[in-house]
C-alpha atoms as a PDB file:
ATOM      1  CA  MET A   1     103.921 120.276  87.809  1.00  0.00           C
ATOM      2  CA  ARG A   2     105.148 123.249  89.834  1.00  0.00           C
ATOM      3  CA  ASN A   3     106.807 122.727  93.207  1.00  0.00           C
ATOM      4  CA  ILE A   4     103.991 124.549  94.975  1.00  0.00           C
ATOM      5  CA  SER A   5     102.927 124.471  98.580  1.00  0.00           C
ATOM      6  CA  ILE A   6      99.536 122.847  99.181  1.00  0.00           C
ATOM      7  CA  ASN A   7      97.485 123.578 102.279  1.00  0.00           C
ATOM      8  CA  VAL A   8      95.011 120.852 103.280  1.00  0.00           C
ATOM      9  CA  SER A   9      94.872 121.761 106.950  1.00  0.00           C
ATOM     10  CA  GLY A  10      91.497 120.851 108.386  1.00  0.00           C
ATOM     11  CA  LYS A  11      90.711 118.548 105.452  1.00  0.00           C
ATOM     12  CA  ILE A  12      92.930 115.522 105.981  1.00  0.00           C
ATOM     13  CA  ASP A  13      91.590 112.775 108.231  1.00  0.00           C
ATOM     14  CA  ASN A  14      93.038 113.241 111.720  1.00  0.00           C
ATOM     15  CA  ILE A  15      93.779 109.526 112.094  1.00  0.00           C
ATOM     16  CA  TYR A  16      96.950 110.029 110.035  1.00  0.00           C
ATOM     17  CA  LEU A  17      98.353 113.098 111.769  1.00  0.00           C
ATOM     18  CA  PRO A  18      99.762 111.619 115.027  1.00  0.00           C
ATOM     19  CA  ALA A  19     101.789 108.974 113.160  1.00  0.00           C
ATOM     20  CA  ILE A  20     103.048 111.474 110.565  1.00  0.00           C
ATOM     21  CA  LYS A  21     104.076 113.906 113.302  1.00  0.00           C
ATOM     22  CA  ILE A  22     106.178 111.237 115.034  1.00  0.00           C
ATOM     23  CA  ILE A  23     107.748 110.076 111.766  1.00  0.00           C
ATOM     24  CA  LYS A  24     108.657 113.652 110.853  1.00  0.00           C
ATOM     25  CA  SER A  25     110.142 114.309 114.284  1.00  0.00           C
ATOM     26  CA  SER A  26     112.245 111.145 114.081  1.00  0.00           C
ATOM     27  CA  ALA A  27     113.479 111.866 110.546  1.00  0.00           C
ATOM     28  CA  ASP A  28     114.209 115.510 111.343  1.00  0.00           C
ATOM     29  CA  SER A  29     116.240 114.504 114.406  1.00  0.00           C
ATOM     30  CA  TYR A  30     118.664 112.671 112.084  1.00  0.00           C
ATOM     31  CA  LYS A  31     118.305 115.205 109.255  1.00  0.00           C
ATOM     32  CA  ILE A  32     116.991 112.444 107.009  1.00  0.00           C
ATOM     33  CA  PRO A  33     114.743 113.627 104.131  1.00  0.00           C
ATOM     34  CA  PHE A  34     111.479 111.770 103.581  1.00  0.00           C
ATOM     35  CA  LEU A  35     108.204 112.035 101.720  1.00  0.00           C
ATOM     36  CA  ILE A  36     104.793 110.423 101.880  1.00  0.00           C
ATOM     37  CA  ILE A  37     104.098 108.303  98.829  1.00  0.00           C
ATOM     38  CA  GLY A  38     101.315 105.924  97.828  1.00  0.00           C
ATOM     39  CA  ALA A  39      97.575 106.285  98.250  1.00  0.00           C
ATOM     40  CA  LEU A  40      97.674 108.940 100.971  1.00  0.00           C
ATOM     41  CA  SER A  41      99.642 111.310  98.724  1.00  0.00           C
ATOM     42  CA  ARG A  42      97.081 110.568  95.998  1.00  0.00           C
ATOM     43  CA  ASP A  43      94.279 111.540  98.381  1.00  0.00           C
ATOM     44  CA  ILE A  44      96.031 114.723  99.541  1.00  0.00           C
ATOM     45  CA  ILE A  45      96.309 116.055  95.990  1.00  0.00           C
ATOM     46  CA  MET A  46      93.249 114.671  94.287  1.00  0.00           C
ATOM     47  CA  GLU A  47      90.605 114.551  96.994  1.00  0.00           C
ATOM     48  CA  TYR A  48      91.612 117.003  99.733  1.00  0.00           C
ATOM     49  CA  PHE A  49      93.043 119.666  97.389  1.00  0.00           C
ATOM     50  CA  TYR A  50      91.190 119.309  94.060  1.00  0.00           C
ATOM     51  CA  GLY A  51      88.008 117.686  95.373  1.00  0.00           C
ATOM     52  CA  ILE A  52      88.265 114.653  93.061  1.00  0.00           C
ATOM     53  CA  LYS A  53      86.999 111.615  94.942  1.00  0.00           C
ATOM     54  CA  ALA A  54      89.523 108.787  95.226  1.00  0.00           C
ATOM     55  CA  PRO A  55      88.489 105.268  94.105  1.00  0.00           C
ATOM     56  CA  ARG A  56      89.060 103.583  97.479  1.00  0.00           C
ATOM     57  CA  LEU A  57      89.870 104.271 101.109  1.00  0.00           C
ATOM     58  CA  THR A  58      93.492 104.556 102.219  1.00  0.00           C
ATOM     59  CA  MET A  59      94.281 102.051 104.948  1.00  0.00           C
ATOM     60  CA  GLY A  60      97.845 103.060 105.823  1.00  0.00           C
ATOM     61  CA  ILE A  61     100.801 105.350 105.181  1.00  0.00           C
ATOM     62  CA  ASP A  62     103.679 104.760 102.753  1.00  0.00           C
ATOM     63  CA  ILE A  63     106.934 106.597 103.438  1.00  0.00           C
ATOM     64  CA  GLY A  64     110.086 106.965 101.362  1.00  0.00           C
ATOM     65  CA  ILE A  65     113.217 107.961 103.297  1.00  0.00           C
ATOM     66  CA  LYS A  66     116.403 109.114 101.628  1.00  0.00           C
ATOM     67  CA  VAL A  67     119.393 107.409 103.258  1.00  0.00           C
ATOM     68  CA  SER A  68     122.913 106.315 102.388  1.00  0.00           C
ATOM     69  CA  THR A  69     123.176 103.098 104.407  1.00  0.00           C
ATOM     70  CA  TRP A  70     121.086 100.452 106.137  1.00  0.00           C
ATOM     71  CA  LYS A  71     122.483 101.795 109.403  1.00  0.00           C
ATOM     72  CA  ASP A  72     120.728 105.109 108.716  1.00  0.00           C
ATOM     73  CA  PHE A  73     117.530 103.237 107.885  1.00  0.00           C
ATOM     74  CA  GLU A  74     117.759 101.285 111.138  1.00  0.00           C
ATOM     75  CA  LYS A  75     118.114 104.537 113.084  1.00  0.00           C
ATOM     76  CA  ILE A  76     114.657 105.608 111.965  1.00  0.00           C
ATOM     77  CA  ILE A  77     113.089 102.200 112.564  1.00  0.00           C
ATOM     78  CA  SER A  78     114.617 101.872 116.039  1.00  0.00           C
ATOM     79  CA  THR A  79     113.603 105.396 117.012  1.00  0.00           C
ATOM     80  CA  LEU A  80     110.019 104.759 115.944  1.00  0.00           C
ATOM     81  CA  GLU A  81     110.001 101.401 117.704  1.00  0.00           C
ATOM     82  CA  ASN A  82     110.963 103.131 120.948  1.00  0.00           C
ATOM     83  CA  THR A  83     108.073 105.539 120.507  1.00  0.00           C
ATOM     84  CA  THR A  84     104.657 104.849 121.997  1.00  0.00           C
ATOM     85  CA  ASP A  85     102.344 102.858 119.688  1.00  0.00           C
ATOM     86  CA  PHE A  86     104.934 102.026 116.991  1.00  0.00           C
ATOM     87  CA  GLU A  87     106.010  98.409 116.695  1.00  0.00           C
ATOM     88  CA  ARG A  88     107.865  96.335 114.141  1.00  0.00           C
ATOM     89  CA  HIS A  89     106.043  94.079 111.727  1.00  0.00           C
ATOM     90  CA  ARG A  90     107.366  90.716 110.537  1.00  0.00           C
ATOM     91  CA  GLU A  91     107.967  92.317 107.131  1.00  0.00           C
ATOM     92  CA  GLN A  92     111.142  94.407 107.282  1.00  0.00           C
ATOM     93  CA  HIS A  93     109.764  97.495 105.595  1.00  0.00           C
ATOM     94  CA  ARG A  94     106.606  97.581 107.681  1.00  0.00           C
ATOM     95  CA  MET A  95     105.588  98.928 111.086  1.00  0.00           C
ATOM     96  CA  ARG A  96     102.325  99.241 112.956  1.00  0.00           C
ATOM     97  CA  TYR A  97     100.954 102.351 114.592  1.00  0.00           C
ATOM     98  CA  GLY A  98      97.941 101.168 116.525  1.00  0.00           C
ATOM     99  CA  ASN A  99      95.777  99.559 113.832  1.00  0.00           C
ATOM    100  CA  MET A 100      97.510 101.406 111.008  1.00  0.00           C
ATOM    101  CA  ILE A 101     100.152  99.879 108.715  1.00  0.00           C
ATOM    102  CA  ILE A 102     103.194 102.063 107.976  1.00  0.00           C
ATOM    103  CA  ASP A 103     105.424 101.026 105.059  1.00  0.00           C
ATOM    104  CA  ILE A 104     108.872 102.636 105.059  1.00  0.00           C
ATOM    105  CA  VAL A 105     111.052 102.276 101.957  1.00  0.00           C
ATOM    106  CA  PRO A 106     114.660 103.534 101.769  1.00  0.00           C
ATOM    107  CA  PHE A 107     116.022 105.151  98.623  1.00  0.00           C
ATOM    108  CA  GLY A 108     118.987 107.301  97.625  1.00  0.00           C
ATOM    109  CA  GLN A 109     122.627 106.177  97.784  1.00  0.00           C
ATOM    110  CA  ILE A 110     121.545 102.991  99.548  1.00  0.00           C
ATOM    111  CA  SER A 111     120.150 101.683  96.240  1.00  0.00           C
ATOM    112  CA  GLY A 112     123.349 101.986  94.178  1.00  0.00           C
ATOM    113  CA  LYS A 113     123.518 102.408  90.410  1.00  0.00           C
ATOM    114  CA  GLU A 114     120.836  99.813  89.744  1.00  0.00           C
ATOM    115  CA  LYS A 115     118.339 101.680  91.968  1.00  0.00           C
ATOM    116  CA  THR A 116     117.471  98.424  93.719  1.00  0.00           C
ATOM    117  CA  ILE A 117     117.456  97.568  97.405  1.00  0.00           C
ATOM    118  CA  ALA A 118     117.904  94.092  98.900  1.00  0.00           C
ATOM    119  CA  TRP A 119     116.619  93.749 102.447  1.00  0.00           C
ATOM    120  CA  PRO A 120     119.211  92.522 104.955  1.00  0.00           C
ATOM    121  CA  PRO A 121     120.320  90.209 106.408  1.00  0.00           C
ATOM    122  CA  GLN A 122     119.521  87.556 103.777  1.00  0.00           C
ATOM    123  CA  ASN A 123     119.215  90.052 100.888  1.00  0.00           C
ATOM    124  CA  GLU A 124     116.604  87.769  99.335  1.00  0.00           C
ATOM    125  CA  VAL A 125     113.759  90.286  99.135  1.00  0.00           C
ATOM    126  CA  LYS A 126     114.540  92.832  96.444  1.00  0.00           C
ATOM    127  CA  MET A 127     112.697  95.962  95.409  1.00  0.00           C
ATOM    128  CA  THR A 128     113.288  98.626  92.785  1.00  0.00           C
ATOM    129  CA  VAL A 129     113.323 102.229  93.945  1.00  0.00           C
ATOM    130  CA  MET A 130     113.984 103.656  90.519  1.00  0.00           C
ATOM    131  CA  GLY A 131     112.484 107.107  90.165  1.00  0.00           C
ATOM    132  CA  PHE A 132     112.408 107.877  93.887  1.00  0.00           C
ATOM    133  CA  ASP A 133     115.293 110.356  93.693  1.00  0.00           C
ATOM    134  CA  GLU A 134     113.672 112.357  90.907  1.00  0.00           C
ATOM    135  CA  VAL A 135     110.285 112.223  92.595  1.00  0.00           C
ATOM    136  CA  TYR A 136     111.772 113.583  95.811  1.00  0.00           C
ATOM    137  CA  ARG A 137     113.703 116.272  93.915  1.00  0.00           C
ATOM    138  CA  TYR A 138     110.477 117.586  92.382  1.00  0.00           C
ATOM    139  CA  SER A 139     108.244 116.898  95.371  1.00  0.00           C
ATOM    140  CA  THR A 140     105.629 119.284  96.730  1.00  0.00           C
ATOM    141  CA  VAL A 141     105.470 120.760 100.228  1.00  0.00           C
ATOM    142  CA  VAL A 142     102.104 120.144 101.888  1.00  0.00           C
ATOM    143  CA  ARG A 143     100.774 121.744 105.056  1.00  0.00           C
ATOM    144  CA  LEU A 144      98.712 119.170 106.915  1.00  0.00           C
ATOM    145  CA  LYS A 145      98.035 121.196 110.054  1.00  0.00           C
ATOM    146  CA  GLU A 146      98.140 124.873 111.002  1.00  0.00           C
ATOM    147  CA  LYS A 147      98.528 124.873 114.804  1.00  0.00           C
ATOM    148  CA  PRO A 148     101.113 123.647 115.384  1.00  0.00           C
ATOM    149  CA  VAL A 149     102.363 123.706 111.796  1.00  0.00           C
ATOM    150  CA  LEU A 150     102.936 120.256 110.301  1.00  0.00           C
ATOM    151  CA  GLU A 151     104.422 120.169 106.807  1.00  0.00           C
ATOM    152  CA  ILE A 152     105.708 117.235 104.786  1.00  0.00           C
ATOM    153  CA  ARG A 153     106.640 116.448 101.200  1.00  0.00           C
ATOM    154  CA  ILE A 154     104.629 114.383  98.721  1.00  0.00           C
ATOM    155  CA  PRO A 155     105.154 113.587  95.012  1.00  0.00           C
ATOM    156  CA  THR A 156     103.595 115.736  92.336  1.00  0.00           C
ATOM    157  CA  LEU A 157     101.026 113.868  90.263  1.00  0.00           C
ATOM    158  CA  PRO A 158     103.612 113.175  87.520  1.00  0.00           C
ATOM    159  CA  GLY A 159     105.950 111.834  90.207  1.00  0.00           C
ATOM    160  CA  LEU A 160     103.257 109.679  91.749  1.00  0.00           C
ATOM    161  CA  THR A 161     102.303 108.314  88.315  1.00  0.00           C
ATOM    162  CA  LEU A 162     105.929 107.403  87.689  1.00  0.00           C
ATOM    163  CA  LEU A 163     106.140 105.526  91.008  1.00  0.00           C
ATOM    164  CA  LYS A 164     102.829 103.768  90.436  1.00  0.00           C
ATOM    165  CA  LEU A 165     103.832 102.521  86.995  1.00  0.00           C
ATOM    166  CA  ILE A 166     107.154 101.145  88.215  1.00  0.00           C
ATOM    167  CA  SER A 167     105.560  99.656  91.336  1.00  0.00           C
ATOM    168  CA  TRP A 168     102.932  97.933  89.186  1.00  0.00           C
ATOM    169  CA  LYS A 169     105.630  96.437  86.959  1.00  0.00           C
ATOM    170  CA  ASP A 170     107.847  95.431  89.870  1.00  0.00           C
ATOM    171  CA  GLY A 171     105.025  93.731  91.764  1.00  0.00           C
ATOM    172  CA  TYR A 172     102.967  92.233  88.922  1.00  0.00           C
ATOM    173  CA  PRO A 173     100.597  90.359  89.179  1.00  0.00           C
ATOM    174  CA  ASN A 174      99.930  91.494  92.733  1.00  0.00           C
ATOM    175  CA  ARG A 175      99.640  95.261  92.199  1.00  0.00           C
ATOM    176  CA  ARG A 176      96.197  95.829  90.703  1.00  0.00           C
ATOM    177  CA  LYS A 177      95.715  98.738  93.087  1.00  0.00           C
ATOM    178  CA  ASP A 178      98.602 100.523  91.349  1.00  0.00           C
ATOM    179  CA  ALA A 179      96.865  99.978  88.006  1.00  0.00           C
ATOM    180  CA  GLU A 180      93.674 101.401  89.496  1.00  0.00           C
ATOM    181  CA  ASP A 181      95.530 104.476  90.757  1.00  0.00           C
ATOM    182  CA  LEU A 182      97.228 104.942  87.375  1.00  0.00           C
ATOM    183  CA  LEU A 183      93.872 104.927  85.631  1.00  0.00           C
ATOM    184  CA  PHE A 184      92.416 107.295  88.218  1.00  0.00           C
ATOM    185  CA  ILE A 185      95.234 109.834  87.783  1.00  0.00           C
ATOM    186  CA  MET A 186      95.255 109.603  83.995  1.00  0.00           C
ATOM    187  CA  LYS A 187      91.522 110.097  83.532  1.00  0.00           C
ATOM    188  CA  ASN A 188      91.446 113.041  85.973  1.00  0.00           C
ATOM    189  CA  TYR A 189      94.736 114.812  85.204  1.00  0.00           C
ATOM    190  CA  GLU A 190      93.070 117.516  83.118  1.00  0.00           C
ATOM    191  CA  MET A 191      90.955 118.545  86.127  1.00  0.00           C
ATOM    192  CA  ALA A 192      93.812 118.439  88.638  1.00  0.00           C
ATOM    193  CA  GLY A 193      95.125 121.941  87.989  1.00  0.00           C
ATOM    194  CA  ASN A 194      95.705 121.474  84.247  1.00  0.00           C
ATOM    195  CA  PHE A 195      92.475 122.599  82.569  1.00  0.00           C
ATOM    196  CA  GLU A 196      93.666 126.181  82.024  1.00  0.00           C
ATOM    197  CA  ARG A 197      97.080 124.920  80.822  1.00  0.00           C
ATOM    198  CA  LEU A 198      95.363 122.972  78.049  1.00  0.00           C
ATOM    199  CA  TYR A 199      93.498 126.061  76.847  1.00  0.00           C
ATOM    200  CA  GLU A 200      96.435 128.434  77.236  1.00  0.00           C
ATOM    201  CA  SER A 201     100.095 127.382  77.208  1.00  0.00           C
ATOM    202  CA  GLU A 202      99.397 123.800  76.010  1.00  0.00           C
ATOM    203  CA  LEU A 203      96.675 124.540  73.467  1.00  0.00           C
ATOM    204  CA  SER A 204      98.627 122.697  70.750  1.00  0.00           C
ATOM    205  CA  VAL A 205      98.288 119.464  72.741  1.00  0.00           C
ATOM    206  CA  LEU A 206      94.540 119.961  73.030  1.00  0.00           C
ATOM    207  CA  GLU A 207      94.232 120.720  69.335  1.00  0.00           C
ATOM    208  CA  SER A 208      96.233 117.632  68.384  1.00  0.00           C
ATOM    209  CA  GLU A 209      93.731 115.535  70.370  1.00  0.00           C
ATOM    210  CA  GLY A 210      90.711 117.034  68.623  1.00  0.00           C
ATOM    211  CA  PHE A 211      89.767 118.885  71.813  1.00  0.00           C
ATOM    212  CA  ASP A 212      89.358 115.646  73.751  1.00  0.00           C
ATOM    213  CA  ASN A 213      90.309 117.136  77.108  1.00  0.00           C
ATOM    214  CA  GLN A 214      90.836 113.765  78.745  1.00  0.00           C
ATOM    215  CA  THR A 215      93.321 112.302  76.265  1.00  0.00           C
ATOM    216  CA  ALA A 216      95.038 115.694  75.947  1.00  0.00           C
ATOM    217  CA  GLY A 217      95.458 115.679  79.724  1.00  0.00           C
ATOM    218  CA  ILE A 218      97.078 112.248  79.550  1.00  0.00           C
ATOM    219  CA  VAL A 219      99.544 113.364  76.852  1.00  0.00           C
ATOM    220  CA  LEU A 220     100.340 116.351  79.056  1.00  0.00           C
ATOM    221  CA  LEU A 221     100.858 114.012  82.024  1.00  0.00           C
ATOM    222  CA  GLY A 222     103.360 112.012  79.989  1.00  0.00           C
ATOM    223  CA  ARG A 223     105.234 115.160  79.026  1.00  0.00           C
ATOM    224  CA  ASP A 224     105.290 116.284  82.663  1.00  0.00           C
ATOM    225  CA  ILE A 225     106.679 112.889  83.723  1.00  0.00           C
ATOM    226  CA  LYS A 226     109.438 113.146  81.147  1.00  0.00           C
ATOM    227  CA  LYS A 227     110.500 116.523  82.531  1.00  0.00           C
ATOM    228  CA  ILE A 228     111.413 115.044  85.922  1.00  0.00           C
ATOM    229  CA  CYS A 229     113.028 111.752  84.821  1.00  0.00           C
ATOM    230  CA  ASP A 230     116.711 111.006  84.492  1.00  0.00           C
ATOM    231  CA  VAL A 231     117.880 108.909  81.535  1.00  0.00           C
ATOM    232  CA  GLN A 232     117.826 105.597  83.400  1.00  0.00           C
ATOM    233  CA  THR A 233     114.297 106.019  84.715  1.00  0.00           C
ATOM    234  CA  LEU A 234     112.986 107.342  81.421  1.00  0.00           C
ATOM    235  CA  GLY A 235     114.419 104.333  79.620  1.00  0.00           C
ATOM    236  CA  TYR A 236     112.725 101.954  82.026  1.00  0.00           C
ATOM    237  CA  LEU A 237     109.355 103.703  81.668  1.00  0.00           C
ATOM    238  CA  LYS A 238     109.639 103.446  77.889  1.00  0.00           C
ATOM    239  CA  GLU A 239     110.386  99.719  78.164  1.00  0.00           C
ATOM    240  CA  ILE A 240     107.271  99.176  80.277  1.00  0.00           C
ATOM    241  CA  LEU A 241     105.022 101.189  77.969  1.00  0.00           C
ATOM    242  CA  ASP A 242     106.503  99.612  74.824  1.00  0.00           C
ATOM    243  CA  GLU A 243     105.663  96.203  76.233  1.00  0.00           C
ATOM    244  CA  GLU A 244     102.132  97.282  77.168  1.00  0.00           C
ATOM    245  CA  THR A 245     101.267  98.877  73.801  1.00  0.00           C
ATOM    246  CA  SER A 246     102.996  96.716  71.174  1.00  0.00           C
ATOM    247  CA  GLU A 247     101.020  94.565  68.743  1.00  0.00           C
ATOM    248  CA  LYS A 248     102.391  91.449  70.448  1.00  0.00           C
ATOM    249  CA  SER A 249     101.523  92.693  73.922  1.00  0.00           C
ATOM    250  CA  SER A 250      99.472  90.613  76.342  1.00  0.00           C
ATOM    251  CA  TYR A 251      98.148  93.957  77.664  1.00  0.00           C
ATOM    252  CA  LYS A 252      98.696  93.157  81.334  1.00  0.00           C
ATOM    253  CA  LEU A 253      98.390  96.771  82.464  1.00  0.00           C
ATOM    254  CA  ALA A 254      95.203  97.372  80.494  1.00  0.00           C
ATOM    255  CA  SER A 255      93.760  94.122  81.817  1.00  0.00           C
ATOM    256  CA  ASP A 256      94.492  95.150  85.396  1.00  0.00           C
ATOM    257  CA  MET A 257      92.840  98.509  84.747  1.00  0.00           C
ATOM    258  CA  LEU A 258      89.880  96.794  83.071  1.00  0.00           C
ATOM    259  CA  PHE A 259      89.397  94.769  86.267  1.00  0.00           C
ATOM    260  CA  TYR A 260      87.749  97.843  87.767  1.00  0.00           C
ATOM    261  CA  LYS A 261      85.311  98.100  84.814  1.00  0.00           C
ATOM    262  CA  GLN A 262      85.376 101.889  84.531  1.00  0.00           C
ATOM    263  CA  TYR A 263      86.142 102.021  80.797  1.00  0.00           C
ATOM    264  CA  ASP A 264      86.089  99.659  77.857  1.00  0.00           C
ATOM    265  CA  PHE A 265      89.293  97.976  76.729  1.00  0.00           C
ATOM    266  CA  GLU A 266      89.897 100.160  73.674  1.00  0.00           C
ATOM    267  CA  ARG A 267      89.596 103.373  75.680  1.00  0.00           C
ATOM    268  CA  ILE A 268      92.051 102.091  78.269  1.00  0.00           C
ATOM    269  CA  ILE A 269      94.551 101.095  75.576  1.00  0.00           C
ATOM    270  CA  CYS A 270      94.114 104.592  74.136  1.00  0.00           C
ATOM    271  CA  PHE A 271      94.945 106.097  77.554  1.00  0.00           C
ATOM    272  CA  ILE A 272      98.129 104.030  77.892  1.00  0.00           C
ATOM    273  CA  LYS A 273      99.209 104.926  74.361  1.00  0.00           C
ATOM    274  CA  LYS A 274      98.611 108.614  75.062  1.00  0.00           C
ATOM    275  CA  LEU A 275     100.740 108.400  78.207  1.00  0.00           C
ATOM    276  CA  LYS A 276     103.490 106.824  76.137  1.00  0.00           C
ATOM    277  CA  GLU A 277     103.052 109.459  73.441  1.00  0.00           C
ATOM    278  CA  GLY A 278     103.609 112.192  76.009  1.00  0.00           C
ATOM    279  CA  ILE A 279     106.661 110.494  77.512  1.00  0.00           C
ATOM    280  CA  CYS A 280     108.208 109.502  74.198  1.00  0.00           C
ATOM    281  CA  ARG A 281     107.040 112.492  72.145  1.00  0.00           C
ATOM    282  CA  GLU A 282     105.867 110.276  69.357  1.00  0.00           C
ATOM    283  CA  LYS A 283     102.527 110.123  67.578  1.00  0.00           C
ATOM    284  CA  LEU A 284     100.568 106.907  68.042  1.00  0.00           C
ATOM    285  CA  GLU A 285      97.279 105.868  66.529  1.00  0.00           C
ATOM    286  CA  LYS A 286      94.273 106.123  68.822  1.00  0.00           C
END
């Protein structure tokens, strides 16, 4: 949860570093803040830092850039396009770096009060970027390389969970990978720097879960998510989780998680309810 600096120099796969270095240089030249989101940020925290093996290989890089206008967004895209090995993709948010796909999503003032972006010029393709501002505000500095120093920002695990849940909802039924990542983070949160918290400062959470470290970790994850959310984002997360845990639910999220056959249905529903319990601070039946 803390805004700590993580050093994974020498651990991260070198195939990512040249592209990240160019992206950082381009963003820094315009003083535009950015962070790496998506599966690579998951790998940096869980696999490279905590040694928890990720469920699948990462095939690209997802970037969030904080801009005020589409003109600012175009500055970054054009600068990258004029750089060796970067080229535009037919999809507006996507570029190629050699064989690697780079997705670049703008957030910030560009999204307005609704926290939604509509891609110009037709404005037909819409995407929610709700939660991005909070996730950036509480992001973590990561050192990817020592010589020369290369540092970027990534979400904390609560921030990444927030983005994954909203992305899953926004892209359903085509975002099963987000459901997989949600399950992966939830079931491993206790071991991602939170084990001592559960037995020290958060012992009451552990006790309330009958010393089930895993479900206690998920409640703690929900509480940590709530700490970084503004009212609008928190309300939207509650809507999603209400829909996915009610008696009349079609359990779309649980079904997408069950697709990967790591847990039985009842255990997965329990996990989702515990996440909601942490976010909403309400007691739910197991």
